[in-house]
Amino acid sequence: MEERFLEIIIARSIKIGTIQTLKALGLLPEVVSIAQAEKIYGKHLIKEWRDKSWIKFYPSRNKQRGRSYVKMSELETASAMLDMCNKMPYNIIKKLMDIE
């Protein structure tokens, strides 16, 4: 059972790495407006992630885009963290963190 949770962690890590690589290559946008982020993930999750300091709102210098923006890499990381927390019991996370 612990192997399954380890597979989940590795799969999420690969997803995050892939998305960050695509952004570094300029194939995916790094900056999205708050409205776009809320449309993709929902207002509730954006608020929750901001309250947990998993994402940060950055001031926009382009007032036509909106007052603030968020980085897509932070959104993807928060999404993966939420997914792992929802699928893995705390005792398994703790045990995996203790492995050296």
N, C-alpha and C. Protein backbone atom coordinates (compact mmCIF):
# COMPACT_ATOMS: atom_id res chain seq x y z
N MET A 1 0.83 -1.20 0.00
CA MET A 1 0.00 0.00 0.00
C MET A 1 0.87 1.26 0.00
N GLU A 2 1.96 1.22 0.75
CA GLU A 2 2.85 2.38 0.79
C GLU A 2 3.49 2.62 -0.57
N GLU A 3 3.71 1.56 -1.34
CA GLU A 3 4.29 1.71 -2.67
C GLU A 3 3.36 2.51 -3.58
N ARG A 4 2.07 2.30 -3.42
CA ARG A 4 1.08 3.04 -4.21
C ARG A 4 1.16 4.53 -3.92
N PHE A 5 1.31 4.88 -2.65
CA PHE A 5 1.41 6.29 -2.28
C PHE A 5 2.72 6.89 -2.80
N LEU A 6 3.77 6.12 -2.79
CA LEU A 6 5.05 6.59 -3.33
C LEU A 6 4.91 6.83 -4.84
N GLU A 7 4.17 5.95 -5.52
CA GLU A 7 3.92 6.15 -6.96
C GLU A 7 3.16 7.44 -7.21
N ILE A 8 2.20 7.75 -6.34
CA ILE A 8 1.43 9.00 -6.48
C ILE A 8 2.35 10.20 -6.35
N ILE A 9 3.23 10.18 -5.35
CA ILE A 9 4.17 11.29 -5.14
C ILE A 9 5.07 11.46 -6.35
N ILE A 10 5.59 10.37 -6.87
CA ILE A 10 6.50 10.44 -8.03
C ILE A 10 5.75 10.96 -9.26
N ALA A 11 4.52 10.48 -9.48
CA ALA A 11 3.74 10.93 -10.63
C ALA A 11 3.45 12.43 -10.54
N ARG A 12 3.09 12.91 -9.35
CA ARG A 12 2.81 14.34 -9.18
C ARG A 12 4.08 15.16 -9.38
N SER A 13 5.20 14.65 -8.91
CA SER A 13 6.47 15.36 -9.08
C SER A 13 6.85 15.46 -10.55
N ILE A 14 6.62 14.39 -11.29
CA ILE A 14 6.90 14.41 -12.74
C ILE A 14 6.00 15.44 -13.43
N LYS A 15 4.73 15.48 -13.04
CA LYS A 15 3.80 16.46 -13.62
C LYS A 15 4.27 17.89 -13.37
N ILE A 16 4.65 18.17 -12.14
CA ILE A 16 5.12 19.52 -11.80
C ILE A 16 6.37 19.86 -12.60
N GLY A 17 7.32 18.92 -12.68
CA GLY A 17 8.55 19.15 -13.44
C GLY A 17 8.29 19.37 -14.92
N THR A 18 7.37 18.61 -15.48
CA THR A 18 7.03 18.76 -16.89
C THR A 18 6.42 20.13 -17.17
N ILE A 19 5.51 20.55 -16.33
CA ILE A 19 4.87 21.84 -16.51
C ILE A 19 5.88 22.97 -16.38
N GLN A 20 6.78 22.88 -15.40
CA GLN A 20 7.79 23.92 -15.24
C GLN A 20 8.75 23.95 -16.42
N THR A 21 9.07 22.80 -16.98
CA THR A 21 9.94 22.75 -18.16
C THR A 21 9.26 23.40 -19.35
N LEU A 22 7.99 23.09 -19.58
CA LEU A 22 7.25 23.69 -20.68
C LEU A 22 7.16 25.21 -20.53
N LYS A 23 7.00 25.68 -19.31
CA LYS A 23 6.94 27.12 -19.07
C LYS A 23 8.30 27.77 -19.32
N ALA A 24 9.36 27.09 -18.90
CA ALA A 24 10.71 27.62 -19.13
C ALA A 24 11.02 27.70 -20.63
N LEU A 25 10.48 26.79 -21.41
CA LEU A 25 10.67 26.81 -22.86
C LEU A 25 9.74 27.80 -23.56
N GLY A 26 8.83 28.41 -22.81
CA GLY A 26 7.90 29.37 -23.38
C GLY A 26 6.71 28.75 -24.07
N LEU A 27 6.47 27.47 -23.83
CA LEU A 27 5.35 26.79 -24.48
C LEU A 27 4.04 26.91 -23.70
N LEU A 28 4.13 27.26 -22.42
CA LEU A 28 2.95 27.51 -21.60
C LEU A 28 3.13 28.85 -20.89
N PRO A 29 2.04 29.60 -20.74
CA PRO A 29 2.17 30.90 -20.05
C PRO A 29 2.42 30.70 -18.56
N GLU A 30 3.30 31.51 -17.99
CA GLU A 30 3.60 31.43 -16.55
C GLU A 30 2.65 32.30 -15.76
N VAL A 31 2.20 33.39 -16.34
CA VAL A 31 1.39 34.36 -15.63
C VAL A 31 -0.07 34.24 -16.07
N VAL A 32 -0.97 34.11 -15.08
CA VAL A 32 -2.40 34.11 -15.38
C VAL A 32 -3.09 35.07 -14.42
N SER A 33 -4.18 35.64 -14.87
CA SER A 33 -4.92 36.56 -14.02
C SER A 33 -5.64 35.76 -12.93
N ILE A 34 -6.06 36.47 -11.90
CA ILE A 34 -6.79 35.83 -10.81
C ILE A 34 -8.10 35.24 -11.35
N ALA A 35 -8.75 35.97 -12.24
CA ALA A 35 -10.01 35.48 -12.83
C ALA A 35 -9.79 34.20 -13.62
N GLN A 36 -8.69 34.13 -14.38
CA GLN A 36 -8.38 32.91 -15.12
C GLN A 36 -8.11 31.75 -14.17
N ALA A 37 -7.35 32.02 -13.11
CA ALA A 37 -7.04 30.98 -12.13
C ALA A 37 -8.32 30.46 -11.47
N GLU A 38 -9.22 31.38 -11.13
CA GLU A 38 -10.49 30.98 -10.51
C GLU A 38 -11.35 30.19 -11.47
N LYS A 39 -11.27 30.51 -12.75
CA LYS A 39 -12.04 29.77 -13.74
C LYS A 39 -11.50 28.35 -13.89
N ILE A 40 -10.18 28.19 -13.81
CA ILE A 40 -9.56 26.88 -13.96
C ILE A 40 -9.75 26.02 -12.71
N TYR A 41 -9.48 26.60 -11.54
CA TYR A 41 -9.45 25.82 -10.30
C TYR A 41 -10.63 26.07 -9.37
N GLY A 42 -11.35 27.15 -9.57
CA GLY A 42 -12.48 27.49 -8.70
C GLY A 42 -12.08 28.52 -7.65
N LYS A 43 -13.01 29.40 -7.32
CA LYS A 43 -12.74 30.48 -6.36
C LYS A 43 -12.37 29.93 -4.99
N HIS A 44 -13.05 28.87 -4.58
CA HIS A 44 -12.82 28.31 -3.25
C HIS A 44 -11.37 27.81 -3.11
N LEU A 45 -10.88 27.09 -4.11
CA LEU A 45 -9.51 26.57 -4.02
C LEU A 45 -8.48 27.69 -4.07
N ILE A 46 -8.69 28.69 -4.90
CA ILE A 46 -7.75 29.81 -4.97
C ILE A 46 -7.68 30.51 -3.62
N LYS A 47 -8.82 30.72 -2.99
CA LYS A 47 -8.84 31.35 -1.66
C LYS A 47 -8.14 30.46 -0.63
N GLU A 48 -8.44 29.17 -0.66
CA GLU A 48 -7.83 28.23 0.29
C GLU A 48 -6.31 28.19 0.12
N TRP A 49 -5.85 28.11 -1.12
CA TRP A 49 -4.41 28.04 -1.37
C TRP A 49 -3.72 29.33 -0.96
N ARG A 50 -4.37 30.45 -1.18
CA ARG A 50 -3.78 31.73 -0.77
C ARG A 50 -3.72 31.83 0.75
N ASP A 51 -4.79 31.38 1.43
CA ASP A 51 -4.81 31.38 2.89
C ASP A 51 -3.71 30.49 3.48
N LYS A 52 -3.42 29.38 2.79
CA LYS A 52 -2.38 28.45 3.25
C LYS A 52 -0.98 28.90 2.80
N SER A 53 -0.91 30.01 2.06
CA SER A 53 0.34 30.54 1.49
C SER A 53 0.99 29.58 0.49
N TRP A 54 0.16 28.79 -0.19
CA TRP A 54 0.67 27.93 -1.24
C TRP A 54 0.84 28.71 -2.54
N ILE A 55 0.06 29.77 -2.70
CA ILE A 55 0.20 30.65 -3.86
C ILE A 55 0.27 32.08 -3.36
N LYS A 56 0.78 32.96 -4.21
CA LYS A 56 0.91 34.36 -3.86
C LYS A 56 0.35 35.19 -5.01
N PHE A 57 -0.33 36.27 -4.67
CA PHE A 57 -0.81 37.21 -5.67
C PHE A 57 0.28 38.26 -5.88
N TYR A 58 0.63 38.49 -7.12
CA TYR A 58 1.65 39.48 -7.46
C TYR A 58 0.98 40.69 -8.09
N PRO A 59 1.45 41.90 -7.78
CA PRO A 59 0.84 43.09 -8.37
C PRO A 59 1.15 43.18 -9.86
N SER A 60 0.13 43.54 -10.61
CA SER A 60 0.27 43.64 -12.06
C SER A 60 0.60 45.08 -12.44
N ARG A 61 1.48 45.22 -13.38
CA ARG A 61 1.80 46.56 -13.89
C ARG A 61 0.92 46.89 -15.11
N ASN A 62 0.17 45.90 -15.56
CA ASN A 62 -0.72 46.06 -16.69
C ASN A 62 -2.15 46.11 -16.16
N LYS A 63 -2.70 47.28 -16.00
CA LYS A 63 -4.03 47.45 -15.40
C LYS A 63 -5.14 46.86 -16.28
N GLN A 64 -4.89 46.68 -17.57
CA GLN A 64 -5.90 46.08 -18.44
C GLN A 64 -6.04 44.60 -18.13
N ARG A 65 -4.98 43.96 -17.67
CA ARG A 65 -5.02 42.55 -17.32
C ARG A 65 -5.71 42.33 -15.98
N GLY A 66 -5.54 43.26 -15.07
CA GLY A 66 -6.11 43.14 -13.74
C GLY A 66 -5.13 43.68 -12.72
N ARG A 67 -5.56 43.74 -11.48
CA ARG A 67 -4.69 44.30 -10.44
C ARG A 67 -3.61 43.33 -10.02
N SER A 68 -3.90 42.04 -10.06
CA SER A 68 -2.95 41.04 -9.60
C SER A 68 -2.91 39.87 -10.56
N TYR A 69 -1.87 39.10 -10.44
CA TYR A 69 -1.76 37.86 -11.20
C TYR A 69 -1.16 36.79 -10.30
N VAL A 70 -1.19 35.58 -10.78
CA VAL A 70 -0.63 34.45 -10.05
C VAL A 70 0.20 33.63 -11.04
N LYS A 71 1.22 32.97 -10.53
CA LYS A 71 2.07 32.15 -11.39
C LYS A 71 1.46 30.76 -11.54
N MET A 72 1.42 30.30 -12.78
CA MET A 72 0.83 28.99 -13.07
C MET A 72 1.62 27.87 -12.39
N SER A 73 2.92 28.03 -12.25
CA SER A 73 3.71 27.00 -11.59
C SER A 73 3.29 26.85 -10.13
N GLU A 74 2.96 27.95 -9.47
CA GLU A 74 2.49 27.89 -8.10
C GLU A 74 1.12 27.21 -8.03
N LEU A 75 0.26 27.50 -9.00
CA LEU A 75 -1.05 26.86 -9.04
C LEU A 75 -0.93 25.36 -9.23
N GLU A 76 -0.07 24.94 -10.13
CA GLU A 76 0.11 23.51 -10.38
C GLU A 76 0.71 22.81 -9.18
N THR A 77 1.65 23.46 -8.51
CA THR A 77 2.25 22.88 -7.31
C THR A 77 1.20 22.76 -6.21
N ALA A 78 0.39 23.80 -6.02
CA ALA A 78 -0.66 23.75 -5.01
C ALA A 78 -1.68 22.66 -5.34
N SER A 79 -2.01 22.52 -6.61
CA SER A 79 -2.95 21.49 -7.02
C SER A 79 -2.41 20.10 -6.71
N ALA A 80 -1.13 19.90 -7.00
CA ALA A 80 -0.51 18.60 -6.71
C ALA A 80 -0.43 18.35 -5.21
N MET A 81 -0.11 19.38 -4.44
CA MET A 81 -0.03 19.23 -2.99
C MET A 81 -1.41 18.87 -2.43
N LEU A 82 -2.43 19.54 -2.91
CA LEU A 82 -3.79 19.25 -2.46
C LEU A 82 -4.18 17.83 -2.82
N ASP A 83 -3.83 17.42 -4.03
CA ASP A 83 -4.14 16.07 -4.49
C ASP A 83 -3.46 15.02 -3.61
N MET A 84 -2.19 15.25 -3.29
CA MET A 84 -1.47 14.30 -2.45
C MET A 84 -2.05 14.26 -1.04
N CYS A 85 -2.40 15.41 -0.50
CA CYS A 85 -2.97 15.46 0.86
C CYS A 85 -4.32 14.76 0.92
N ASN A 86 -5.09 14.85 -0.16
CA ASN A 86 -6.41 14.23 -0.17
C ASN A 86 -6.34 12.71 -0.35
N LYS A 87 -5.29 12.22 -0.98
CA LYS A 87 -5.21 10.80 -1.28
C LYS A 87 -4.36 10.03 -0.29
N MET A 88 -3.55 10.72 0.47
CA MET A 88 -2.63 10.03 1.36
C MET A 88 -2.93 10.31 2.81
N PRO A 89 -3.07 9.28 3.60
CA PRO A 89 -3.26 9.49 5.04
C PRO A 89 -2.01 10.11 5.66
N TYR A 90 -2.23 10.88 6.71
CA TYR A 90 -1.12 11.60 7.35
C TYR A 90 -0.02 10.65 7.82
N ASN A 91 -0.39 9.49 8.38
CA ASN A 91 0.63 8.58 8.89
C ASN A 91 1.53 8.06 7.78
N ILE A 92 1.00 7.88 6.58
CA ILE A 92 1.82 7.43 5.45
C ILE A 92 2.75 8.56 5.01
N ILE A 93 2.24 9.78 4.95
CA ILE A 93 3.08 10.92 4.58
C ILE A 93 4.23 11.04 5.56
N LYS A 94 3.92 10.94 6.84
CA LYS A 94 4.96 11.05 7.88
C LYS A 94 5.99 9.94 7.73
N LYS A 95 5.52 8.72 7.48
CA LYS A 95 6.44 7.59 7.34
C LYS A 95 7.33 7.77 6.11
N LEU A 96 6.76 8.24 5.00
CA LEU A 96 7.56 8.46 3.79
C LEU A 96 8.58 9.58 3.99
N MET A 97 8.21 10.59 4.78
CA MET A 97 9.14 11.69 5.04
C MET A 97 10.29 11.24 5.92
N ASP A 98 10.07 10.22 6.74
CA ASP A 98 11.12 9.73 7.63
C ASP A 98 12.11 8.81 6.93
N ILE A 99 11.77 8.33 5.73
CA ILE A 99 12.68 7.46 4.98
C ILE A 99 13.89 8.27 4.53
N GLU A 100 15.05 7.72 4.73
CA GLU A 100 16.28 8.42 4.33
C GLU A 100 16.96 7.72 3.21
